[in-house]
Structures are given as structure tokens and as C-alpha cells.
Protein backbone atom coordinates (compact mmCIF):
# COMPACT_ATOMS: atom_id res chain seq x y z
CA UNK A 1 6.75 -3.51 -36.99
CA UNK A 2 10.33 -4.56 -37.31
CA UNK A 3 12.60 -7.24 -35.97
CA UNK A 4 16.54 -6.53 -35.81
CA UNK A 5 18.31 -9.31 -33.97
CA UNK A 6 21.46 -11.65 -34.75
CA UNK A 7 19.21 -14.18 -34.83
CA UNK A 8 16.66 -12.80 -37.12
CA UNK A 9 15.77 -16.00 -38.78
CA UNK A 10 14.27 -17.86 -35.71
CA UNK A 11 12.00 -15.09 -35.72
CA UNK A 12 11.30 -15.04 -39.28
CA UNK A 13 10.49 -18.72 -38.93
CA UNK A 14 8.01 -18.01 -36.43
CA UNK A 15 6.13 -15.19 -38.59
CA UNK A 16 6.18 -17.23 -41.70
CA UNK A 17 5.01 -20.24 -39.71
CA UNK A 18 1.40 -18.68 -39.08
CA UNK A 19 -1.20 -20.73 -40.56
CA UNK A 20 -2.93 -17.35 -41.77
CA UNK A 21 0.31 -16.80 -44.37
CA UNK A 22 -0.72 -19.72 -46.58
CA UNK A 23 0.19 -18.67 -49.90
CA UNK A 24 3.89 -17.23 -50.49
CA UNK A 25 4.95 -14.98 -53.50
CA UNK A 26 9.06 -14.46 -53.56
CA UNK A 27 10.77 -11.79 -55.08
CA UNK A 28 14.15 -12.04 -55.34
CA UNK A 29 17.33 -11.27 -57.02
CA UNK A 30 18.60 -14.62 -58.60
CA UNK A 31 21.80 -14.70 -57.49
CA UNK A 32 21.56 -12.62 -54.67
CA UNK A 33 18.88 -15.34 -53.02
CA UNK A 34 21.51 -17.80 -53.53
CA UNK A 35 24.86 -16.00 -52.86
CA UNK A 36 23.09 -15.22 -49.52
CA UNK A 37 22.25 -18.22 -48.36
CA UNK A 38 18.64 -17.24 -48.24
CA UNK A 39 18.05 -20.37 -50.47
CA UNK A 40 18.96 -22.78 -47.77
CA UNK A 41 17.26 -20.59 -44.92
CA UNK A 42 13.60 -20.72 -46.22
CA UNK A 43 14.34 -24.14 -47.60
CA UNK A 44 13.21 -25.21 -43.71
CA UNK A 45 11.06 -22.49 -42.96
CA UNK A 46 8.72 -23.10 -46.34
CA UNK A 47 7.70 -26.65 -45.75
CA UNK A 48 3.80 -27.25 -45.90
CA UNK A 49 3.64 -23.64 -47.95
CA UNK A 50 2.11 -23.11 -51.58
CA UNK A 51 4.70 -20.66 -52.83
CA UNK A 52 5.70 -18.92 -56.18
CA UNK A 53 9.19 -17.61 -57.09
CA UNK A 54 9.71 -14.53 -59.26
CA UNK A 55 13.52 -13.54 -59.93
CA UNK A 56 13.79 -9.85 -61.36
CA UNK A 57 16.06 -9.37 -64.41
CA UNK A 58 16.48 -5.72 -64.38
CA UNK A 59 19.78 -4.71 -62.36
CA UNK A 60 17.15 -1.43 -61.66
CA UNK A 61 13.79 -0.76 -61.08
CA UNK A 62 11.62 -0.91 -64.94
CA UNK A 63 8.72 0.35 -65.78
CA UNK A 64 8.11 -3.20 -68.10
CA UNK A 65 9.11 -5.62 -65.57
CA UNK A 66 7.21 -3.95 -63.18
CA UNK A 67 3.96 -4.71 -64.91
CA UNK A 68 4.76 -8.37 -65.66
CA UNK A 69 5.40 -8.90 -61.46
CA UNK A 70 1.97 -7.00 -60.86
CA UNK A 71 0.40 -9.73 -63.35
CA UNK A 72 1.98 -12.57 -61.54
CA UNK A 73 1.27 -11.02 -57.97
CA UNK A 74 -2.63 -11.09 -58.94
CA UNK A 75 -2.51 -14.66 -60.81
CA UNK A 76 -1.14 -15.96 -57.57
CA UNK A 77 -3.34 -14.03 -55.32
CA UNK A 78 -0.66 -14.56 -51.98
CA UNK A 79 -1.23 -13.64 -48.30
CA UNK A 80 2.17 -12.78 -47.53
CA UNK A 81 5.04 -11.42 -50.05
CA UNK A 82 8.99 -11.76 -49.27
CA UNK A 83 10.96 -9.58 -50.96
CA UNK A 84 14.56 -10.68 -50.89
CA UNK A 85 16.94 -8.92 -52.09
CA UNK A 86 18.84 -5.39 -52.99
CA UNK A 87 17.02 -1.85 -53.10
CA UNK A 88 15.41 -3.11 -56.78
CA UNK A 89 13.60 -6.27 -55.40
CA UNK A 90 12.41 -4.42 -52.58
CA UNK A 91 10.99 -1.36 -54.45
CA UNK A 92 9.43 -3.69 -57.23
CA UNK A 93 7.87 -5.25 -54.39
CA UNK A 94 6.32 -2.38 -52.05
CA UNK A 95 4.93 -0.62 -55.63
CA UNK A 96 3.48 -4.22 -57.15
CA UNK A 97 1.73 -4.81 -53.80
CA UNK A 98 -0.47 -1.72 -53.49
CA UNK A 99 -0.70 -0.63 -57.40
CA UNK A 100 -2.44 -1.79 -60.60
CA UNK A 101 -1.73 -2.37 -63.88
CA UNK A 102 -4.06 0.32 -65.32
CA UNK A 103 -4.53 2.26 -68.92
CA UNK A 104 -1.94 4.90 -68.76
CA UNK A 105 -0.10 3.53 -65.90
CA UNK A 106 3.18 5.17 -67.15
CA UNK A 107 1.80 8.45 -67.80
CA UNK A 108 0.31 8.33 -64.12
CA UNK A 109 3.41 7.92 -62.60
CA UNK A 110 4.87 10.59 -64.20
CA UNK A 111 2.58 13.00 -63.74
CA UNK A 112 2.00 11.85 -60.04
CA UNK A 113 -1.63 11.18 -60.54
CA UNK A 114 -1.40 7.02 -59.73
CA UNK A 115 -3.68 5.43 -57.64
CA UNK A 116 -2.66 3.27 -54.64
CA UNK A 117 -5.47 0.78 -53.44
CA UNK A 118 -5.40 -1.44 -50.61
CA UNK A 119 -2.27 -3.59 -50.02
CA UNK A 120 -2.97 -6.89 -51.75
CA UNK A 121 -0.83 -8.92 -48.93
CA UNK A 122 1.04 -8.27 -45.92
CA UNK A 123 5.02 -7.30 -46.96
CA UNK A 124 8.15 -8.91 -45.45
CA UNK A 125 11.22 -6.79 -46.87
CA UNK A 126 14.83 -8.48 -46.14
CA UNK A 127 17.69 -7.01 -47.58
CA UNK A 128 20.80 -8.47 -49.40
CA UNK A 129 22.84 -5.24 -49.56
CA UNK A 130 23.20 -2.89 -46.73
CA UNK A 131 22.66 0.48 -48.90
CA UNK A 132 19.49 1.57 -49.21
CA UNK A 133 17.31 0.99 -46.44
CA UNK A 134 14.29 0.55 -48.76
CA UNK A 135 12.91 -1.71 -45.77
CA UNK A 136 11.64 1.21 -43.94
CA UNK A 137 11.32 4.02 -46.74
CA UNK A 138 7.69 5.12 -47.76
CA UNK A 139 8.83 5.45 -50.98
CA UNK A 140 10.30 3.70 -54.10
CA UNK A 141 12.36 3.98 -57.45
CA UNK A 142 10.46 3.34 -61.09
CA UNK A 143 12.47 3.98 -64.23
CA UNK A 144 10.21 5.10 -67.31
CA UNK A 145 12.21 5.35 -70.49
CA UNK A 146 15.42 5.20 -68.57
CA UNK A 147 14.14 8.94 -66.78
CA UNK A 148 13.55 7.93 -62.70
CA UNK A 149 10.54 8.54 -60.60
CA UNK A 150 9.60 7.85 -56.98
CA UNK A 151 6.25 6.46 -55.87
CA UNK A 152 5.62 7.96 -52.50
CA UNK A 153 3.07 6.71 -49.71
CA UNK A 154 3.06 5.67 -46.41
CA UNK A 155 1.05 2.77 -47.47
CA UNK A 156 3.88 1.05 -49.35
CA UNK A 157 6.18 0.76 -46.01
CA UNK A 158 6.86 -3.20 -45.93
CA UNK A 159 4.83 -4.35 -42.87
CA UNK A 160 7.65 -6.13 -41.64
CA UNK A 161 11.46 -5.92 -42.37
CA UNK A 162 14.64 -8.29 -41.17
CA UNK A 163 18.24 -7.61 -40.91
CA UNK A 164 20.16 -10.72 -41.28
CA UNK A 165 23.63 -10.20 -40.92
CA UNK A 166 24.83 -13.46 -42.93
CA UNK A 167 22.60 -12.26 -46.17
CA UNK A 168 24.78 -10.10 -46.64
CA UNK A 169 28.03 -11.43 -46.13
CA UNK A 170 28.33 -13.22 -48.95
CA UNK A 171 27.39 -10.36 -51.83
CA UNK A 172 30.13 -9.77 -54.12
CA UNK A 173 32.94 -7.08 -52.92
CA UNK A 174 31.59 -4.77 -55.68
CA UNK A 175 27.76 -4.67 -54.72
CA UNK A 176 29.03 -3.87 -50.97
CA UNK A 177 31.12 -1.09 -52.07
CA UNK A 178 28.33 0.49 -53.59
CA UNK A 179 25.75 -0.06 -51.63
CA UNK A 180 27.66 0.74 -48.43
CA UNK A 181 28.19 4.51 -50.22
CA UNK A 182 24.98 4.78 -50.58
CA UNK A 183 24.01 4.50 -47.03
CA UNK A 184 27.05 6.88 -46.19
CA UNK A 185 25.68 9.38 -48.91
CA UNK A 186 22.20 9.19 -47.75
CA UNK A 187 22.87 9.82 -44.19
CA UNK A 188 25.17 13.02 -45.67
CA UNK A 189 22.58 14.54 -47.81
CA UNK A 190 19.81 14.13 -45.57
CA UNK A 191 21.87 16.49 -42.76
CA UNK A 192 21.89 19.11 -45.53
CA UNK A 193 18.29 18.81 -47.30
CA UNK A 194 16.00 21.38 -46.77
CA UNK A 195 13.03 18.97 -45.42
CA UNK A 196 15.46 17.80 -42.42
CA UNK A 197 13.84 18.15 -38.95
CA UNK A 198 15.37 16.62 -35.92
CA UNK A 199 14.35 13.38 -36.21
CA UNK A 200 15.90 12.99 -39.10
CA UNK A 201 19.19 14.63 -38.21
CA UNK A 202 19.46 11.99 -35.01
CA UNK A 203 18.65 8.96 -37.68
CA UNK A 204 21.52 10.72 -40.16
CA UNK A 205 24.32 11.15 -37.20
CA UNK A 206 23.48 7.97 -36.05
CA UNK A 207 23.74 6.09 -39.20
CA UNK A 208 27.30 8.09 -39.91
CA UNK A 209 28.82 7.27 -36.92
CA UNK A 210 28.16 3.36 -37.58
CA UNK A 211 29.16 3.50 -41.15
CA UNK A 212 32.36 5.32 -40.60
CA UNK A 213 33.36 3.02 -38.31
CA UNK A 214 32.39 -0.20 -40.08
CA UNK A 215 32.17 0.79 -43.99
CA UNK A 216 36.26 -0.14 -44.78
CA UNK A 217 36.45 -3.39 -42.44
CA UNK A 218 33.06 -4.82 -44.27
CA UNK A 219 34.45 -4.57 -47.41
CA UNK A 220 37.47 -5.93 -46.42
CA UNK A 221 36.87 -8.92 -44.13
CA UNK A 222 33.07 -8.91 -43.38
CA UNK A 223 31.95 -10.37 -40.02
CA UNK A 224 28.36 -10.95 -38.57
CA UNK A 225 29.27 -8.07 -36.22
CA UNK A 226 30.19 -5.14 -39.24
CA UNK A 227 27.42 -6.86 -41.65
CA UNK A 228 25.03 -6.32 -39.19
CA UNK A 229 26.21 -2.77 -38.19
CA UNK A 230 26.24 -2.06 -41.54
CA UNK A 231 22.36 -3.11 -42.04
CA UNK A 232 21.94 -1.09 -39.12
CA UNK A 233 23.74 1.91 -40.82
CA UNK A 234 21.52 1.05 -43.72
CA UNK A 235 18.35 0.89 -42.16
CA UNK A 236 18.93 4.56 -40.12
CA UNK A 237 19.80 6.22 -43.32
CA UNK A 238 16.53 4.73 -44.90
CA UNK A 239 14.55 6.19 -42.13
CA UNK A 240 16.30 9.53 -42.19
CA UNK A 241 15.28 9.99 -46.06
CA UNK A 242 12.26 8.75 -45.47
CA UNK A 243 11.89 12.09 -43.47
CA UNK A 244 14.25 14.35 -45.61
CA UNK A 245 14.41 12.78 -48.95
CA UNK A 246 17.85 13.15 -50.40
CA UNK A 247 19.63 15.88 -52.78
CA UNK A 248 21.63 16.58 -55.67
CA UNK A 249 24.40 13.50 -55.68
CA UNK A 250 20.98 11.33 -55.91
CA UNK A 251 18.93 13.58 -58.03
CA UNK A 252 21.85 13.34 -60.83
CA UNK A 253 22.92 9.64 -60.00
CA UNK A 254 19.62 8.57 -61.91
CA UNK A 255 20.79 9.17 -65.75
CA UNK A 256 24.41 7.27 -64.69
CA UNK A 257 22.65 4.25 -63.83
CA UNK A 258 19.90 3.86 -66.71
CA UNK A 259 22.23 5.41 -69.52
CA UNK A 260 25.98 3.69 -68.54
CA UNK A 261 24.53 0.86 -65.89
CA UNK A 262 26.58 2.02 -63.31
CA UNK A 263 25.45 1.03 -59.88
CA UNK A 264 23.20 3.36 -57.44
CA UNK A 265 25.83 3.46 -54.78
CA UNK A 266 28.58 3.87 -57.14
CA UNK A 267 26.65 6.22 -59.20
CA UNK A 268 25.87 8.26 -56.17
CA UNK A 269 29.55 8.39 -55.11
CA UNK A 270 30.94 10.04 -58.28
CA UNK A 271 29.58 13.64 -57.40
CA UNK A 272 29.03 13.52 -53.60
CA UNK A 273 32.06 15.79 -52.49
CA UNK A 274 31.72 17.74 -56.01
CA UNK A 275 27.74 18.99 -54.56
CA UNK A 276 28.78 18.81 -51.03
CA UNK A 277 31.76 21.53 -51.51
CA UNK A 278 29.26 23.72 -54.40
CA UNK A 279 26.72 23.77 -51.20
CA UNK A 280 29.16 24.72 -48.66
CA UNK A 281 31.15 27.61 -50.32
CA UNK A 282 27.62 29.30 -51.22
CA UNK A 283 26.38 28.65 -47.35
CA UNK A 284 25.12 32.27 -47.71
CA UNK A 285 22.88 31.77 -50.64
CA UNK A 286 21.09 28.65 -48.45
CA UNK A 287 17.16 28.11 -48.87
CA UNK A 288 16.33 26.43 -45.81
CA UNK A 289 14.91 26.42 -42.16
CA UNK A 290 18.48 25.96 -40.32
CA UNK A 291 21.51 27.20 -40.37
CA UNK A 292 23.39 25.32 -43.03
CA UNK A 293 26.97 25.99 -41.74
CA UNK A 294 26.20 24.94 -38.18
CA UNK A 295 25.20 21.33 -40.19
CA UNK A 296 28.28 21.47 -42.22
CA UNK A 297 30.24 21.61 -38.67
CA UNK A 298 27.99 18.65 -37.67
CA UNK A 299 29.25 16.88 -40.38
CA UNK A 300 32.79 17.92 -40.15
CA UNK A 301 33.14 16.74 -36.61
CA UNK A 302 31.87 13.13 -37.52
CA UNK A 303 34.29 12.52 -40.21
CA UNK A 304 36.83 13.91 -37.98
CA UNK A 305 37.74 16.44 -40.49
CA UNK A 306 38.75 20.32 -39.73
CA UNK A 307 36.56 22.04 -43.08
CA UNK A 308 35.54 21.44 -46.70
CA UNK A 309 38.58 20.17 -48.22
CA UNK A 310 39.41 18.06 -45.92
CA UNK A 311 36.34 16.59 -46.29
CA UNK A 312 36.57 16.17 -49.84
CA UNK A 313 39.92 14.77 -49.39
CA UNK A 314 38.31 12.17 -46.91
CA UNK A 315 35.36 11.06 -49.74
CA UNK A 316 37.93 10.79 -52.35
CA UNK A 317 40.36 8.44 -50.25
CA UNK A 318 37.10 6.80 -48.80
CA UNK A 319 36.45 6.05 -52.62
CA UNK A 320 39.35 4.89 -53.58
CA UNK A 321 39.94 2.28 -50.43
CA UNK A 322 36.47 1.11 -51.66
CA UNK A 323 37.62 0.55 -55.24
CA UNK A 324 34.68 2.73 -56.58
CA UNK A 325 35.67 4.65 -59.97
CA UNK A 326 35.45 8.40 -59.93
CA UNK A 327 36.84 8.70 -63.25
CA UNK A 328 34.19 9.99 -65.62
CA UNK A 329 36.77 9.07 -68.70
CA UNK A 330 37.25 5.51 -66.81
CA UNK A 331 33.98 4.72 -66.74
CA UNK A 332 33.31 5.63 -70.74
CA UNK A 333 30.99 8.68 -69.39
CA UNK A 334 31.89 11.64 -71.69
CA UNK A 335 30.35 14.32 -69.79
CA UNK A 336 31.18 17.52 -72.55
CA UNK A 337 28.89 15.36 -75.18
CA UNK A 338 26.36 13.13 -73.04
CA UNK A 339 25.73 16.60 -70.65
CA UNK A 340 21.77 17.34 -72.26
CA UNK A 341 21.35 13.27 -71.73
CA UNK A 342 22.18 13.21 -68.89
CA UNK A 343 20.51 16.20 -67.40
CA UNK A 344 17.47 15.08 -68.84
CA UNK A 345 17.32 12.19 -66.72
CA UNK A 346 18.19 14.29 -63.24
CA UNK A 347 14.98 13.97 -60.99
CA UNK A 348 13.88 17.15 -60.02
CA UNK A 349 12.07 16.61 -56.96
CA UNK A 350 15.63 15.52 -55.32
CA UNK A 351 16.86 18.80 -56.93
CA UNK A 352 14.60 20.84 -55.21
CA UNK A 353 15.67 19.69 -51.88
CA UNK A 354 19.05 20.98 -52.03
CA UNK A 355 19.79 23.62 -49.72
CA UNK A 356 21.69 25.56 -52.68
CA UNK A 357 18.93 26.46 -55.75
CA UNK A 358 20.91 24.74 -58.70
CA UNK A 359 20.75 25.43 -62.25
CA UNK A 360 21.94 23.59 -65.55
CA UNK A 361 24.95 25.88 -65.96
CA UNK A 362 25.95 25.06 -62.48
CA UNK A 363 25.81 21.25 -62.48
CA UNK A 364 27.67 21.53 -65.83
CA UNK A 365 30.43 23.66 -64.27
CA UNK A 366 30.54 21.71 -61.43
CA UNK A 367 30.44 18.27 -63.00
CA UNK A 368 32.93 19.27 -65.93
CA UNK A 369 35.41 21.12 -63.18
CA UNK A 370 38.68 18.82 -62.49
């Protein structure tokens, strides 16, 4: 179920006003809920409803806070959950709505032996960033001891999502820049993922065409039109990776977030062009059921570049225009000394989706290359 509309607040009001939704649990980011103007929108809608708000504190989804959310949810026993925020908020809501705090939960998530039960309540996801497309994906991220794991099931997908342009317009430029780049990276990675298919390719191509047209304007002069366009681009990239999953740039981004507190999209941007170049230069070693070189030709066409070197420069310049720092030293990341810690946090599931098999030595060489 989904609503995509410039005036989605009216549809949202109609849905929430249904009498079956009496107890509503809100999961939000404290800053984003007010900066986005969502507080004003919901103030008008929530009359005569019993509500409870949980404002998340962590910048990325962590197991300790997830347990607190699950306990708070069970205690309140809502018939509707509304997640208003970025990927962290929505991922928390997706997992908390379908899993219990049980003995050895961390171990079960790590070993992929967790049990997902029926949903506690209906879930509405409303993103305040145009990036991950978490409102339509069948997976969610959770960090345990600063290592990223995934909870994956069709059960955790939100029942409804709303793309409301005014909710993303007020986000700080730094957040918009990082989130928007994540949408671009997801779509690019989806196109070369071993799990990609015709459907995911269609979603990814549509997403990229929209992102490349509106991303920089959205950062410099956000309007209702370009904000909605970026919400749609993120949504489409989410649909693409829900099928294909992501590859190396995402796999290696997670330790940059957990250890150095670099926002997710920014962390992905650190290596996108590096690994895309490596994959292209080694396309004859590809381990996928499609022609990797042809997929790259599609990417070059969408980006309007000549070859992989032109693509590399395009991404480098795009990051500069978006003010996403790429210099590891300036980000206080010592790759040589910290490599072992970084490689331990790499998500192996995402790494396996890469069309070229990578060894640790390959990753180190690529990261350290100037």
C-alpha cells in the first residue's frame, strides 16, 4: 500500500482518522521531527487519539536502543506505529514492530537465526530524508558491537508510506547531501549487483535519471518540485536494492559510520568511484549472469560520460559540488593503521553481491590507492 502525492498530508489525515487507529506510537528523530515541520502537521491530525512519542538518540541503529524501543512499544500496545525520520528511525520501527526482546537476541541476529512474529501493529513510514528508500525495503540495518547486520523479511516492510516534500525540505544541507548521494549510490550499485534482474534494473535507471537531474538543485535551492523528485528517486532506489541488494561501496561503508560517525550516504561516497572503476577494469573476471560491460555502458549513458575515467571524474566532481569530503586524512581516518578494524566491520552479505570477487588484499590496495 502506498501514497505518493504532493498533498499527501490530506491522505495521511484520512488514514489516521480511521476509528480503528486509537493508540498511536510515534518513533521520530527529535531534531528532524521539528525541523521538518512534521510536528505542526501531526498536531492538527492527532486530536482525540492516544499517543506516545519515542525520540531516538543514536545516529545509527544500535541494538541497545532497539531493545528499549521494543519494550516501550509492547508496554504501550499501539494499533498504529508512525515512523517519521531518516533511515535509522524507519529501520528501528521495521524491526521493533516484528521482533521480541528475547534471550540471546544479539547472537540470533548475528547468526541469522532470529524469529520474526506477526506485526504488533500497522506501520506508516514517512521519510524526512530523500535517501535510503527504507520505507519500501524488506530489510533493516542494526549494529551490534559497531558491526552492521541485517534483518530481512517481507514481514518488516511498512504497510503504508507517504512521500511529503515539505518534510525533507527543511533538513540541513549536510543531511540532504549525504542522503541524496546514498540514493544515487544505491541505484548505481543495484545495476551491477549479481542479484539484479530486469525489474530492479528498471527501478535503478528511473531513480538515477531523476537524481542526476534534481540532486544539486535540491541541495542549493530546495523547492517542492525537486524535493518530491528526490523523494521519488530515493523510493525507486529502495525498490531496486530491495531486489538486488547493494555491493562493495555499501559493504565497506558501515565501519566508517560506526567507528568515525560519518553519516551513511557520506560513508558510501568515500569509495563509490574506486570500486566501480575496479569492477569495470576487471569485468572479464565477472561472476554474474549478465554482461557486466553492457551494464556499465548503460550507466555511462545515464551519466552522459564517455568511459570509466570520465565516470570517475563525474563522481569526484559531484561530491565536491555536494560538499562531501573525500579526503580520508581530513576525516581523521588513518587507513593504513585502521585497516584491520575497518575490514572487520565490512558486511560480507553485501560484499558477495559484487560482480567481481574481492580479497582483503584487493580492498586494501583499492582504499590506499591515491
